[in-house]
N, C-alpha and C. Protein backbone atom coordinates (compact mmCIF):
# COMPACT_ATOMS: atom_id res chain seq x y z
N MET A 1 257.97 264.64 19.37
CA MET A 1 258.11 264.80 17.93
C MET A 1 257.71 266.23 17.57
N THR A 2 258.56 266.90 16.88
CA THR A 2 258.25 268.26 16.46
C THR A 2 257.37 268.23 15.23
N ARG A 3 256.73 269.35 14.99
CA ARG A 3 255.86 269.43 13.82
C ARG A 3 256.65 269.18 12.54
N ALA A 4 257.90 269.63 12.49
CA ALA A 4 258.72 269.44 11.30
C ALA A 4 259.03 267.97 11.06
N SER A 5 259.12 267.17 12.14
CA SER A 5 259.44 265.76 11.97
C SER A 5 258.20 264.87 11.95
N ALA A 6 257.02 265.46 12.17
CA ALA A 6 255.78 264.68 12.16
C ALA A 6 255.50 264.18 10.75
N PRO A 7 254.86 263.02 10.63
CA PRO A 7 254.56 262.50 9.29
C PRO A 7 253.56 263.40 8.58
N ARG A 8 253.66 263.42 7.29
CA ARG A 8 252.71 264.17 6.47
C ARG A 8 251.52 263.26 6.20
N TRP A 9 250.34 263.68 6.60
CA TRP A 9 249.12 262.90 6.40
C TRP A 9 248.44 263.34 5.12
N ILE A 10 247.96 262.37 4.35
CA ILE A 10 247.29 262.65 3.08
C ILE A 10 245.96 261.91 3.08
N LEU A 11 244.87 262.64 3.02
CA LEU A 11 243.54 262.05 2.99
C LEU A 11 243.15 261.76 1.55
N ALA A 12 242.88 260.50 1.25
CA ALA A 12 242.53 260.07 -0.11
C ALA A 12 241.02 260.19 -0.33
N SER A 13 240.47 261.35 0.03
CA SER A 13 239.03 261.55 -0.05
C SER A 13 238.71 263.04 -0.05
N ALA A 14 237.63 263.39 -0.72
CA ALA A 14 237.14 264.76 -0.68
C ALA A 14 235.95 264.87 0.27
N SER A 15 235.66 263.81 1.00
CA SER A 15 234.50 263.78 1.89
C SER A 15 234.57 264.88 2.94
N PRO A 16 233.57 265.74 2.99
CA PRO A 16 233.55 266.78 4.04
C PRO A 16 233.54 266.16 5.43
N ARG A 17 232.85 265.04 5.61
CA ARG A 17 232.80 264.40 6.93
C ARG A 17 234.17 263.86 7.33
N ARG A 18 234.90 263.26 6.42
CA ARG A 18 236.23 262.74 6.75
C ARG A 18 237.19 263.89 7.09
N LYS A 19 237.10 264.98 6.33
CA LYS A 19 237.93 266.15 6.62
C LYS A 19 237.60 266.72 8.00
N GLU A 20 236.32 266.76 8.32
CA GLU A 20 235.89 267.28 9.62
C GLU A 20 236.41 266.40 10.76
N ILE A 21 236.37 265.10 10.58
CA ILE A 21 236.87 264.19 11.62
C ILE A 21 238.35 264.41 11.87
N LEU A 22 239.15 264.45 10.80
CA LEU A 22 240.59 264.63 10.97
C LEU A 22 240.91 266.00 11.57
N ALA A 23 240.23 267.02 11.11
CA ALA A 23 240.46 268.37 11.65
C ALA A 23 240.06 268.40 13.13
N GLY A 24 238.98 267.70 13.49
CA GLY A 24 238.54 267.64 14.87
C GLY A 24 239.54 266.94 15.77
N LEU A 25 240.35 266.07 15.19
CA LEU A 25 241.42 265.40 15.94
C LEU A 25 242.67 266.27 16.05
N GLY A 26 242.63 267.44 15.41
CA GLY A 26 243.78 268.34 15.44
C GLY A 26 244.86 267.95 14.44
N MET A 27 244.51 267.11 13.49
CA MET A 27 245.51 266.67 12.50
C MET A 27 245.69 267.73 11.41
N HIS A 28 246.91 267.82 10.95
CA HIS A 28 247.22 268.66 9.79
C HIS A 28 247.41 267.69 8.64
N PHE A 29 246.67 267.91 7.55
CA PHE A 29 246.69 266.94 6.47
C PHE A 29 246.43 267.62 5.13
N ALA A 30 246.85 266.94 4.09
CA ALA A 30 246.56 267.37 2.72
C ALA A 30 245.40 266.52 2.21
N VAL A 31 244.65 267.06 1.28
CA VAL A 31 243.55 266.32 0.68
C VAL A 31 243.91 266.02 -0.77
N ASP A 32 243.90 264.74 -1.12
CA ASP A 32 244.18 264.30 -2.49
C ASP A 32 243.19 263.18 -2.81
N PRO A 33 242.01 263.55 -3.30
CA PRO A 33 240.96 262.56 -3.49
C PRO A 33 241.32 261.49 -4.53
N CYS A 34 240.88 260.29 -4.25
CA CYS A 34 241.03 259.19 -5.19
C CYS A 34 240.06 259.44 -6.34
N THR A 35 240.53 259.22 -7.57
CA THR A 35 239.68 259.46 -8.73
C THR A 35 239.20 258.16 -9.39
N LEU A 36 239.51 257.02 -8.77
CA LEU A 36 239.04 255.75 -9.31
C LEU A 36 237.52 255.65 -9.16
N PRO A 37 236.86 254.92 -10.06
CA PRO A 37 235.43 254.69 -9.84
C PRO A 37 235.23 253.83 -8.59
N GLU A 38 234.07 253.96 -7.98
CA GLU A 38 233.77 253.16 -6.79
C GLU A 38 233.87 251.68 -7.15
N PRO A 39 234.57 250.90 -6.35
CA PRO A 39 234.66 249.46 -6.63
C PRO A 39 233.32 248.79 -6.39
N THR A 40 233.14 247.64 -7.01
CA THR A 40 231.92 246.87 -6.79
C THR A 40 232.26 245.64 -5.95
N GLN A 41 231.26 245.16 -5.27
CA GLN A 41 231.44 243.99 -4.41
C GLN A 41 231.60 242.75 -5.28
N HIS A 42 232.58 241.92 -4.94
CA HIS A 42 232.79 240.66 -5.64
C HIS A 42 231.75 239.64 -5.18
N PRO A 43 231.34 238.73 -6.06
CA PRO A 43 230.40 237.69 -5.63
C PRO A 43 230.95 236.92 -4.42
N GLY A 44 230.11 236.78 -3.40
CA GLY A 44 230.50 236.04 -2.21
C GLY A 44 231.38 236.81 -1.24
N GLU A 45 231.77 238.02 -1.57
CA GLU A 45 232.64 238.82 -0.71
C GLU A 45 231.84 239.37 0.48
N GLU A 46 232.35 239.14 1.67
CA GLU A 46 231.71 239.67 2.88
C GLU A 46 231.73 241.20 2.84
N PRO A 47 230.69 241.85 3.37
CA PRO A 47 230.66 243.32 3.37
C PRO A 47 231.88 243.95 4.01
N SER A 48 232.37 243.40 5.14
CA SER A 48 233.54 243.99 5.79
C SER A 48 234.79 243.86 4.90
N ALA A 49 234.93 242.73 4.22
CA ALA A 49 236.07 242.55 3.31
C ALA A 49 235.98 243.52 2.13
N TYR A 50 234.77 243.74 1.65
CA TYR A 50 234.55 244.69 0.57
C TYR A 50 234.95 246.11 1.00
N ALA A 51 234.52 246.51 2.21
CA ALA A 51 234.84 247.86 2.70
C ALA A 51 236.35 248.04 2.84
N VAL A 52 237.04 247.02 3.35
CA VAL A 52 238.50 247.09 3.51
C VAL A 52 239.17 247.14 2.13
N ARG A 53 238.71 246.31 1.20
CA ARG A 53 239.31 246.30 -0.15
C ARG A 53 239.13 247.66 -0.82
N ALA A 54 237.94 248.24 -0.70
CA ALA A 54 237.68 249.54 -1.30
C ALA A 54 238.59 250.61 -0.69
N ALA A 55 238.74 250.60 0.63
CA ALA A 55 239.63 251.56 1.30
C ALA A 55 241.07 251.37 0.84
N ARG A 56 241.50 250.11 0.73
CA ARG A 56 242.87 249.81 0.30
C ARG A 56 243.11 250.28 -1.13
N GLU A 57 242.16 250.02 -2.03
CA GLU A 57 242.31 250.46 -3.42
C GLU A 57 242.42 251.98 -3.51
N LYS A 58 241.62 252.68 -2.75
CA LYS A 58 241.66 254.15 -2.75
C LYS A 58 242.99 254.66 -2.21
N ALA A 59 243.43 254.09 -1.08
CA ALA A 59 244.69 254.53 -0.48
C ALA A 59 245.86 254.26 -1.41
N ARG A 60 245.91 253.09 -2.00
CA ARG A 60 247.03 252.75 -2.88
C ARG A 60 247.04 253.60 -4.14
N ALA A 61 245.87 253.91 -4.69
CA ALA A 61 245.82 254.76 -5.88
C ALA A 61 246.39 256.14 -5.59
N VAL A 62 246.07 256.69 -4.44
CA VAL A 62 246.60 258.01 -4.07
C VAL A 62 248.07 257.89 -3.68
N ALA A 63 248.44 256.83 -2.99
CA ALA A 63 249.84 256.63 -2.57
C ALA A 63 250.77 256.61 -3.78
N ALA A 64 250.29 256.10 -4.90
CA ALA A 64 251.12 256.03 -6.11
C ALA A 64 251.51 257.42 -6.61
N ARG A 65 250.83 258.45 -6.17
CA ARG A 65 251.11 259.83 -6.61
C ARG A 65 252.03 260.57 -5.66
N HIS A 66 252.48 259.91 -4.57
CA HIS A 66 253.29 260.58 -3.55
C HIS A 66 254.55 259.77 -3.25
N LYS A 67 255.56 260.46 -2.76
CA LYS A 67 256.83 259.81 -2.41
C LYS A 67 256.98 259.58 -0.91
N ALA A 68 256.29 260.39 -0.11
CA ALA A 68 256.43 260.29 1.35
C ALA A 68 255.10 260.65 1.99
N GLY A 69 254.96 260.25 3.25
CA GLY A 69 253.76 260.56 4.01
C GLY A 69 252.96 259.31 4.32
N ILE A 70 251.84 259.53 4.97
CA ILE A 70 250.92 258.44 5.30
C ILE A 70 249.58 258.76 4.65
N VAL A 71 249.16 257.87 3.75
CA VAL A 71 247.91 258.06 3.03
C VAL A 71 246.79 257.34 3.78
N ILE A 72 245.69 258.05 3.97
CA ILE A 72 244.52 257.51 4.65
C ILE A 72 243.43 257.27 3.62
N GLY A 73 243.06 256.00 3.46
CA GLY A 73 241.95 255.64 2.58
C GLY A 73 240.83 255.06 3.43
N ALA A 74 239.61 255.40 3.11
CA ALA A 74 238.47 254.88 3.88
C ALA A 74 237.28 254.68 2.96
N ASP A 75 236.44 253.74 3.35
CA ASP A 75 235.20 253.51 2.62
C ASP A 75 234.14 253.06 3.62
N THR A 76 232.99 253.69 3.57
CA THR A 76 231.91 253.35 4.47
C THR A 76 230.74 252.80 3.68
N ILE A 77 230.21 251.68 4.16
CA ILE A 77 229.04 251.07 3.53
C ILE A 77 227.98 250.84 4.60
N VAL A 78 226.76 250.73 4.16
CA VAL A 78 225.64 250.43 5.04
C VAL A 78 225.05 249.10 4.58
N VAL A 79 224.85 248.20 5.55
CA VAL A 79 224.31 246.89 5.24
C VAL A 79 222.99 246.72 6.00
N CYS A 80 221.93 246.49 5.25
CA CYS A 80 220.60 246.28 5.82
C CYS A 80 220.14 244.90 5.38
N GLY A 81 219.98 244.01 6.35
CA GLY A 81 219.72 242.62 6.00
C GLY A 81 221.00 242.07 5.39
N LYS A 82 220.93 241.62 4.19
CA LYS A 82 222.12 241.13 3.48
C LYS A 82 222.49 242.05 2.31
N GLN A 83 221.83 243.20 2.24
CA GLN A 83 222.01 244.11 1.11
C GLN A 83 222.88 245.31 1.48
N ILE A 84 223.87 245.59 0.62
CA ILE A 84 224.67 246.80 0.78
C ILE A 84 223.93 247.95 0.11
N LEU A 85 223.76 249.02 0.87
CA LEU A 85 223.10 250.20 0.33
C LEU A 85 224.17 251.23 -0.04
N GLY A 86 224.27 251.53 -1.29
CA GLY A 86 225.24 252.51 -1.76
C GLY A 86 224.64 253.91 -1.73
N LYS A 87 225.26 254.82 -2.45
CA LYS A 87 224.72 256.17 -2.54
C LYS A 87 223.51 256.13 -3.47
N PRO A 88 222.39 256.70 -3.04
CA PRO A 88 221.20 256.69 -3.91
C PRO A 88 221.46 257.52 -5.17
N VAL A 89 221.02 256.99 -6.31
CA VAL A 89 221.26 257.69 -7.58
C VAL A 89 220.29 258.84 -7.79
N ASP A 90 219.14 258.79 -7.13
CA ASP A 90 218.16 259.86 -7.29
C ASP A 90 217.22 259.87 -6.08
N ARG A 91 216.32 260.81 -6.10
CA ARG A 91 215.38 260.99 -4.99
C ARG A 91 214.50 259.75 -4.78
N LYS A 92 214.09 259.12 -5.88
CA LYS A 92 213.24 257.93 -5.79
C LYS A 92 213.97 256.80 -5.05
N GLU A 93 215.23 256.59 -5.40
CA GLU A 93 216.00 255.55 -4.71
C GLU A 93 216.26 255.96 -3.26
N GLY A 94 216.46 257.23 -3.02
CA GLY A 94 216.63 257.72 -1.65
C GLY A 94 215.41 257.43 -0.81
N ARG A 95 214.22 257.63 -1.36
CA ARG A 95 212.99 257.33 -0.65
C ARG A 95 212.91 255.84 -0.34
N ARG A 96 213.24 255.00 -1.32
CA ARG A 96 213.19 253.55 -1.14
C ARG A 96 214.12 253.12 -0.01
N MET A 97 215.34 253.69 0.01
CA MET A 97 216.30 253.34 1.06
C MET A 97 215.81 253.78 2.43
N LEU A 98 215.27 254.98 2.53
CA LEU A 98 214.77 255.46 3.82
C LEU A 98 213.64 254.56 4.32
N GLU A 99 212.75 254.18 3.42
CA GLU A 99 211.67 253.29 3.81
C GLU A 99 212.20 251.93 4.24
N GLN A 100 213.27 251.47 3.60
CA GLN A 100 213.87 250.18 3.95
C GLN A 100 214.55 250.24 5.32
N LEU A 101 215.21 251.35 5.63
CA LEU A 101 215.93 251.49 6.89
C LEU A 101 215.02 251.81 8.08
N ALA A 102 213.94 252.52 7.83
CA ALA A 102 213.08 253.02 8.91
C ALA A 102 212.55 251.88 9.77
N GLY A 103 212.75 252.02 11.08
CA GLY A 103 212.26 251.05 12.04
C GLY A 103 213.08 249.78 12.13
N ARG A 104 214.26 249.76 11.54
CA ARG A 104 215.07 248.53 11.49
C ARG A 104 216.48 248.78 11.99
N TRP A 105 217.15 247.67 12.32
CA TRP A 105 218.57 247.69 12.63
C TRP A 105 219.35 247.51 11.34
N HIS A 106 220.52 248.15 11.28
CA HIS A 106 221.44 247.92 10.16
C HIS A 106 222.87 248.11 10.68
N GLU A 107 223.83 247.81 9.84
CA GLU A 107 225.24 247.98 10.21
C GLU A 107 225.89 249.02 9.31
N VAL A 108 226.72 249.83 9.92
CA VAL A 108 227.56 250.78 9.19
C VAL A 108 228.99 250.25 9.33
N ILE A 109 229.59 249.91 8.20
CA ILE A 109 230.93 249.33 8.20
C ILE A 109 231.87 250.30 7.51
N THR A 110 232.95 250.65 8.21
CA THR A 110 233.96 251.52 7.62
C THR A 110 235.27 250.76 7.52
N GLY A 111 235.75 250.65 6.29
CA GLY A 111 237.07 250.08 6.04
C GLY A 111 238.07 251.21 6.08
N LEU A 112 239.24 250.97 6.65
CA LEU A 112 240.28 251.99 6.77
C LEU A 112 241.60 251.39 6.35
N CYS A 113 242.37 252.13 5.57
CA CYS A 113 243.69 251.68 5.15
C CYS A 113 244.68 252.83 5.28
N LEU A 114 245.81 252.54 5.90
CA LEU A 114 246.91 253.50 6.03
C LEU A 114 248.09 252.97 5.24
N CYS A 115 248.58 253.77 4.32
CA CYS A 115 249.79 253.42 3.55
C CYS A 115 250.90 254.35 4.02
N ASP A 116 251.86 253.81 4.75
CA ASP A 116 253.00 254.59 5.22
C ASP A 116 254.09 254.51 4.15
N LEU A 117 254.20 255.56 3.38
CA LEU A 117 255.17 255.57 2.27
C LEU A 117 256.59 255.68 2.76
N ASN A 118 256.78 256.23 3.95
CA ASN A 118 258.12 256.36 4.51
C ASN A 118 258.69 255.00 4.91
N LEU A 119 257.85 254.15 5.45
CA LEU A 119 258.28 252.83 5.92
C LEU A 119 257.94 251.70 4.96
N GLY A 120 257.16 252.01 3.92
CA GLY A 120 256.78 250.99 2.96
C GLY A 120 255.81 249.96 3.53
N ARG A 121 254.95 250.38 4.47
CA ARG A 121 254.00 249.46 5.09
C ARG A 121 252.56 249.91 4.86
N THR A 122 251.69 248.93 4.78
CA THR A 122 250.26 249.19 4.65
C THR A 122 249.53 248.39 5.72
N ARG A 123 248.59 249.04 6.39
CA ARG A 123 247.76 248.37 7.39
C ARG A 123 246.31 248.72 7.10
N ALA A 124 245.44 247.73 7.25
CA ALA A 124 244.02 247.96 6.98
C ALA A 124 243.17 247.20 7.98
N GLY A 125 241.98 247.69 8.19
CA GLY A 125 241.03 247.05 9.08
C GLY A 125 239.66 247.67 8.90
N PHE A 126 238.74 247.32 9.77
CA PHE A 126 237.39 247.86 9.65
C PHE A 126 236.75 248.00 11.02
N SER A 127 235.69 248.79 11.04
CA SER A 127 234.89 249.00 12.24
C SER A 127 233.43 248.79 11.86
N VAL A 128 232.69 248.15 12.76
CA VAL A 128 231.26 247.92 12.52
C VAL A 128 230.46 248.59 13.63
N THR A 129 229.46 249.35 13.25
CA THR A 129 228.54 249.97 14.20
C THR A 129 227.13 249.51 13.88
N ARG A 130 226.45 248.97 14.87
CA ARG A 130 225.04 248.59 14.68
C ARG A 130 224.18 249.81 15.02
N VAL A 131 223.25 250.11 14.14
CA VAL A 131 222.43 251.31 14.28
C VAL A 131 220.95 250.93 14.16
N HIS A 132 220.15 251.50 15.03
CA HIS A 132 218.70 251.35 14.88
C HIS A 132 218.16 252.66 14.34
N PHE A 133 217.48 252.55 13.24
CA PHE A 133 216.89 253.72 12.57
C PHE A 133 215.43 253.78 13.02
N ARG A 134 215.02 254.87 13.60
CA ARG A 134 213.65 254.95 14.08
C ARG A 134 212.66 254.97 12.92
N ARG A 135 211.41 254.70 13.23
CA ARG A 135 210.37 254.76 12.19
C ARG A 135 210.21 256.20 11.73
N LEU A 136 209.91 256.36 10.47
CA LEU A 136 209.73 257.69 9.89
C LEU A 136 208.36 257.79 9.25
N SER A 137 207.77 258.95 9.38
CA SER A 137 206.49 259.20 8.69
C SER A 137 206.80 259.59 7.24
N ALA A 138 205.79 259.51 6.40
CA ALA A 138 205.95 259.93 5.00
C ALA A 138 206.35 261.40 4.93
N ARG A 139 205.83 262.20 5.85
CA ARG A 139 206.17 263.64 5.89
C ARG A 139 207.66 263.83 6.22
N GLU A 140 208.17 263.06 7.21
CA GLU A 140 209.58 263.17 7.57
C GLU A 140 210.49 262.73 6.41
N ILE A 141 210.09 261.69 5.72
CA ILE A 141 210.87 261.23 4.57
C ILE A 141 210.91 262.32 3.49
N ARG A 142 209.75 262.90 3.18
CA ARG A 142 209.69 263.98 2.18
C ARG A 142 210.57 265.15 2.60
N TRP A 143 210.50 265.52 3.90
CA TRP A 143 211.32 266.63 4.39
C TRP A 143 212.80 266.34 4.20
N TYR A 144 213.24 265.15 4.63
CA TYR A 144 214.66 264.82 4.53
C TYR A 144 215.12 264.80 3.08
N LEU A 145 214.34 264.21 2.21
CA LEU A 145 214.71 264.19 0.79
C LEU A 145 214.81 265.60 0.24
N GLY A 146 213.96 266.49 0.74
CA GLY A 146 213.98 267.89 0.31
C GLY A 146 215.25 268.63 0.70
N THR A 147 215.96 268.15 1.73
CA THR A 147 217.21 268.81 2.13
C THR A 147 218.34 268.53 1.15
N GLY A 148 218.24 267.42 0.40
CA GLY A 148 219.30 267.05 -0.53
C GLY A 148 220.48 266.35 0.12
N GLU A 149 220.47 266.23 1.44
CA GLU A 149 221.61 265.63 2.15
C GLU A 149 221.82 264.16 1.80
N TYR A 150 220.82 263.50 1.35
CA TYR A 150 220.90 262.08 1.04
C TYR A 150 221.80 261.80 -0.16
N SER A 151 222.02 262.78 -0.99
CA SER A 151 222.61 262.53 -2.31
C SER A 151 224.07 262.10 -2.31
N ASP A 152 224.80 262.30 -1.23
CA ASP A 152 226.23 261.90 -1.26
C ASP A 152 226.59 260.96 -0.12
N LYS A 153 225.59 260.25 0.40
CA LYS A 153 225.83 259.40 1.55
C LYS A 153 225.38 257.98 1.27
N ALA A 154 226.30 257.05 1.39
CA ALA A 154 225.94 255.64 1.23
C ALA A 154 225.00 255.25 2.35
N GLY A 155 223.80 254.80 1.96
CA GLY A 155 222.83 254.38 2.97
C GLY A 155 222.55 255.46 3.99
N PHE A 156 222.86 256.71 3.66
CA PHE A 156 222.64 257.87 4.51
C PHE A 156 223.56 257.90 5.72
N ALA A 157 224.64 257.11 5.70
CA ALA A 157 225.55 257.07 6.84
C ALA A 157 226.43 258.30 6.88
């Protein structure tokens, strides 16, 4: 397949990490972030189903703005116990989340949806990674919060 005949990839996200992953794979893609508000979990909805639904909603919203190409939508959530940890709204919530994760196992679930506008097909699925977060001292928590990196990461994933 020549570059001219290769599908046009469209990333439905402004996430620096998602852009880095695709670029690391050698993909050439356009960035067209979804502007919908973050979806909320439905009562009784399994975390993996929620992640897939969120990815699908993002991909479809961006797909509606294009005539051709393959739109990539993704959503990553962190589940600790039975609780989904979203993006912390402030430093205080960030500290609470770090304290909750420290020394425990949790799951990082990424929903992925591809909308192939050329073929009129959509495929979606998810990946689960179990992660053990080591214990953190109060000093380490203060240091990490001071970096500001926590502010745009769901459950710090």
